[in-house]
Amino acid sequence: MGTDRTKILENHLERLLAELQWSRRKFARMLFEEEWDDLIDPVPGEKEEEFERFYATYRKRLTRGSRRPAVIEKEVKRVFDFANNLGIQLDRVVRKPLSSGLLNEEFAQDLEGLCKEIRSRD
């Protein structure tokens, strides 16, 4: 099973993708397209077959509980990079708290309320 850091990062990645309304498949497609663009003169139809293989491998990695935090951090960075390239502002996503389970639930809710109050003053 993954570490607490891994769980926090995976949760953050999921929130980013949800905020952007991107599925894991769409994100994988973007990763694939970035790599595929480096190849020259693909055979017709080969690109889609290669993507399906790429996506199957990507899905298998997601199901493993032993993903390294560094790998997930890299994916989070890629989400930000892709969003920035598309002109999407993500500052509102970064402000969302991550549920780590380290804080008492009542305290976490109070803290979240305080953050909302501070943001509403801006």
Protein backbone atom coordinates (compact mmCIF):
# COMPACT_ATOMS: atom_id res chain seq x y z
CA MET A 1 0.00 0.00 0.00
CA GLY A 2 1.21 3.53 -0.71
CA THR A 3 2.54 5.98 1.81
CA ASP A 4 0.60 8.92 3.20
CA ARG A 5 2.51 11.24 0.85
CA THR A 6 1.51 9.05 -2.10
CA LYS A 7 -2.15 9.12 -1.07
CA ILE A 8 -2.10 12.91 -0.66
CA LEU A 9 -0.51 13.39 -4.07
CA GLU A 10 -2.92 10.97 -5.75
CA ASN A 11 -5.82 12.83 -4.15
CA HIS A 12 -4.39 16.14 -5.39
CA LEU A 13 -3.97 14.76 -8.90
CA GLU A 14 -7.55 13.49 -8.92
CA ARG A 15 -8.83 16.89 -7.76
CA LEU A 16 -6.89 18.67 -10.48
CA LEU A 17 -8.25 16.37 -13.17
CA ALA A 18 -11.79 16.70 -11.80
CA GLU A 19 -11.52 20.51 -11.68
CA LEU A 20 -10.42 20.52 -15.31
CA GLN A 21 -13.07 17.93 -16.16
CA TRP A 22 -10.40 15.70 -17.64
CA SER A 23 -10.70 11.94 -17.41
CA ARG A 24 -7.67 9.78 -16.77
CA ARG A 25 -7.99 8.66 -20.37
CA LYS A 26 -7.88 12.24 -21.64
CA PHE A 27 -4.82 12.97 -19.49
CA ALA A 28 -3.15 9.80 -20.77
CA ARG A 29 -3.98 10.89 -24.33
CA MET A 30 -2.22 14.21 -23.69
CA LEU A 31 0.85 12.43 -22.31
CA PHE A 32 0.85 10.09 -25.28
CA GLU A 33 0.42 12.87 -27.84
CA GLU A 34 3.38 14.70 -26.36
CA GLU A 35 5.57 11.62 -26.82
CA TRP A 36 4.08 10.65 -30.19
CA ASP A 37 4.78 14.09 -31.68
CA ASP A 38 8.49 13.24 -31.56
CA LEU A 39 7.97 10.36 -34.00
CA ILE A 40 8.10 10.98 -37.74
CA ASP A 41 5.86 9.51 -40.45
CA PRO A 42 3.66 7.10 -38.48
CA VAL A 43 1.96 4.26 -40.31
CA PRO A 44 -1.78 5.00 -40.77
CA GLY A 45 -3.79 3.52 -37.88
CA GLU A 46 -0.69 2.73 -35.86
CA LYS A 47 -1.07 5.77 -33.63
CA GLU A 48 -4.41 4.62 -32.20
CA GLU A 49 -3.11 1.11 -31.58
CA GLU A 50 -0.06 2.53 -29.83
CA PHE A 51 -2.28 4.74 -27.68
CA GLU A 52 -4.38 1.78 -26.57
CA ARG A 53 -1.21 -0.06 -25.51
CA PHE A 54 0.07 3.08 -23.77
CA TYR A 55 -3.24 3.56 -21.96
CA ALA A 56 -3.42 -0.08 -20.84
CA THR A 57 0.06 0.24 -19.32
CA TYR A 58 -0.86 3.58 -17.73
CA ARG A 59 -4.01 2.08 -16.16
CA LYS A 60 -2.01 -0.81 -14.71
CA ARG A 61 0.38 1.65 -13.07
CA LEU A 62 -2.58 3.48 -11.52
CA THR A 63 -3.89 0.34 -9.86
CA ARG A 64 -0.60 -0.40 -8.13
CA GLY A 65 -0.44 0.81 -4.56
CA SER A 66 3.31 1.22 -4.72
CA ARG A 67 3.55 4.24 -7.02
CA ARG A 68 6.39 6.52 -6.01
CA PRO A 69 5.56 10.07 -4.90
CA ALA A 70 8.12 11.45 -7.39
CA VAL A 71 6.18 9.89 -10.27
CA ILE A 72 2.88 11.37 -9.07
CA GLU A 73 4.51 14.78 -8.50
CA LYS A 74 5.70 14.67 -12.10
CA GLU A 75 2.14 13.93 -13.29
CA VAL A 76 0.77 16.82 -11.20
CA LYS A 77 3.34 19.12 -12.81
CA ARG A 78 2.33 17.84 -16.26
CA VAL A 79 -1.33 18.65 -15.51
CA PHE A 80 -0.32 22.23 -14.69
CA ASP A 81 1.88 22.41 -17.81
CA PHE A 82 -0.89 21.13 -20.09
CA ALA A 83 -3.44 23.48 -18.51
CA ASN A 84 -1.10 26.46 -18.85
CA ASN A 85 -0.44 25.59 -22.49
CA LEU A 86 -4.21 25.62 -23.05
CA GLY A 87 -4.55 28.96 -21.22
CA ILE A 88 -6.45 27.49 -18.26
CA GLN A 89 -5.96 29.22 -14.91
CA LEU A 90 -5.48 26.78 -12.06
CA ASP A 91 -4.86 29.07 -9.08
CA ARG A 92 -8.32 28.31 -7.67
CA VAL A 93 -7.50 24.60 -7.65
CA VAL A 94 -4.29 25.03 -5.71
CA ARG A 95 -6.17 26.77 -2.91
CA LYS A 96 -8.36 23.75 -2.22
CA PRO A 97 -7.27 21.87 0.90
CA LEU A 98 -6.04 18.33 0.57
CA SER A 99 -7.56 15.79 2.91
CA SER A 100 -4.65 14.02 4.55
CA GLY A 101 -6.45 12.64 7.59
CA LEU A 102 -3.84 14.29 9.82
CA LEU A 103 -6.21 16.95 11.20
CA ASN A 104 -9.24 16.47 13.38
CA GLU A 105 -12.31 16.75 11.09
CA GLU A 106 -13.89 19.57 13.10
CA PHE A 107 -10.64 21.55 13.11
CA ALA A 108 -10.22 21.00 9.36
CA GLN A 109 -13.74 22.34 8.72
CA ASP A 110 -13.07 25.40 10.91
CA LEU A 111 -9.82 26.02 9.07
CA GLU A 112 -11.55 25.68 5.70
CA GLY A 113 -14.23 28.16 6.81
CA LEU A 114 -11.55 30.62 7.88
CA CYS A 115 -9.82 30.29 4.50
CA LYS A 116 -13.11 30.96 2.69
CA GLU A 117 -13.70 34.02 4.84
CA ILE A 118 -10.23 35.37 4.07
CA ARG A 119 -10.67 34.74 0.33
CA SER A 120 -14.03 36.51 0.30
CA ARG A 121 -12.31 39.64 1.62
CA ASP A 122 -9.98 39.78 -1.40
